[in-house]
Each structure stands twice: as structure tokens, then as C-alpha cells.
Amino acid sequence: MGPLFLVVEGMDGAGKSTQIERLAGWLTRAASPPVVTREPGATAIGGRIREILLDPASAAMDPKTEALLYAADRAQHAAEVIRPALAAGRVVISDRYVDSSLAYQGLARGLGIERILDLSMWATGDLLPDLVILLDVAPELARGRSGATDRIELEGQAFHQRVADAYWALARTYPDRFAVVDASAPPDAIEGEIRRLVEARLEAGREVRNENRVHHGKGCGLPTGAGPQAPS
């Protein structure tokens, strides 16, 4: 299928884990088993960062500290997991990536979207996903599903509403890479919509690769008269 970087975004309780599992199963049955990963905590170093970030005992954490720790986790994630997998031609599915920081720290925490984007681009070497699937769900429904246990989930209702609003703002700002899916729909319907979106992106990638091969082939012939001369 060729390299493809997919990210599933949304609030805790939106159903990301369920849909990532279903998407990975479909790709595996199509003979393209993906690399499934997550943020924070996909690496050994990231796991230690995750413990600090999500521990309720870290309640006094400054928003800037939070943003920097997520960026550190993302730098290791990109270097150790995502880039090697893409270089090997794999499909990568990540539960959260840059847009989580844009939503949670950039907008909901008020640190500024441009500052957080610059930080993440520096951390990852400008690595952005091919497609971001946003599972959109009302904050009240998401919190009811998730059963808040970590420091971020335990934030108040006003914060989670800002996160939901932030995701919508991001989807409007970056329509070329965002696709919004109604996460209040039945799981089978959500799965079908995600599969349709991924199939379309995979097809677009195949068309680009085929076009590149055609253009490359046109430039591969020897100029007239430049080839070896037939014996006289």
C-alpha cells in the first residue's frame, strides 16, 4: 500500500481505541499490517514522560511544562517509531499526535496555536500526518464513557468544552488533512466511514506514485544519437 501516516484524534471517551483496533484489523486482512502507536508513551523514554504527565499528583504542573513534556515525548516517538516505519513503507496509525497539543495546550490551555505548532514541528522535523480522523463527540458523552482517572481527564467541564471547541477550530483551519467523523454514531457506522476515508487516501497515494513513475519513465530514454552505434 505504500507509506501512510494516519492519526486518530478526539477527546478521551470518543472511541479512538476501538476504532483504531478495527482499522488495524481491516488493514491487516488487506495484507498491509500497520504499525499502531500512541501519544504519549509509545517508547521507553516516552513511557516515563507519560507517567509524569498523567499522574494526578502532577496537578501543579505549569501549562508550559506540560507542552514541553508532550513535545519531548513526540520527538522520541517520531524518531524511534514513526519515521522508521514510514521509511519501511508501512502504514502508521497513531492515537494522538501534533493536533492533540494544538487542541489541549495551544487553545484550551491558552498557550497559542502557532507557538505549540512551531514547537512540535521542531520536535518532529516537520513531520505531519497524511490524514487526521477526528472522532467528534460531545464532552459530556465522552466523559461519561471514559471514567476519568488521569490528570487531564480529571480537568473540569469548562476545560473539556474548550478542547472540543479547539478540535473543531483545527478541523476548519486544516481541512486538507482533517476529516471529522460523528463519534456518537454506532461503532459499525463509524468504522465504515473511517474505512471509506482511508481507502480514498490510499487511492490518492497510489495515483500520485503512478504519476511519478510515468513522469520518471519519460525522462529515462537516451537522447537521439546518444546511444551506442550499430556496427558498420
Foldseek 3Di string as FASTA:
>chain_A
DFEFEEEEEEDAQLCVVVLVVVVQVVCVVVVARAAEAEPQPRDPVSVVLVCCLWALVVLVDDLVNNLVSRLQSQLCCLVPPVVVQNVVGHYYYYHDHQLLCCLQRQWLVVPHNVVSVVSNCVSNVNDDGQAYEYSADDLVNSLVRRVDDTNVSPDDPSSSVSSNVSVVVVCVVCVNHYDYDHSVDPPVVSSVVVVVVVVVSVVVVVVVVVVVVVVVVVPPDDPPPPDDDDDD
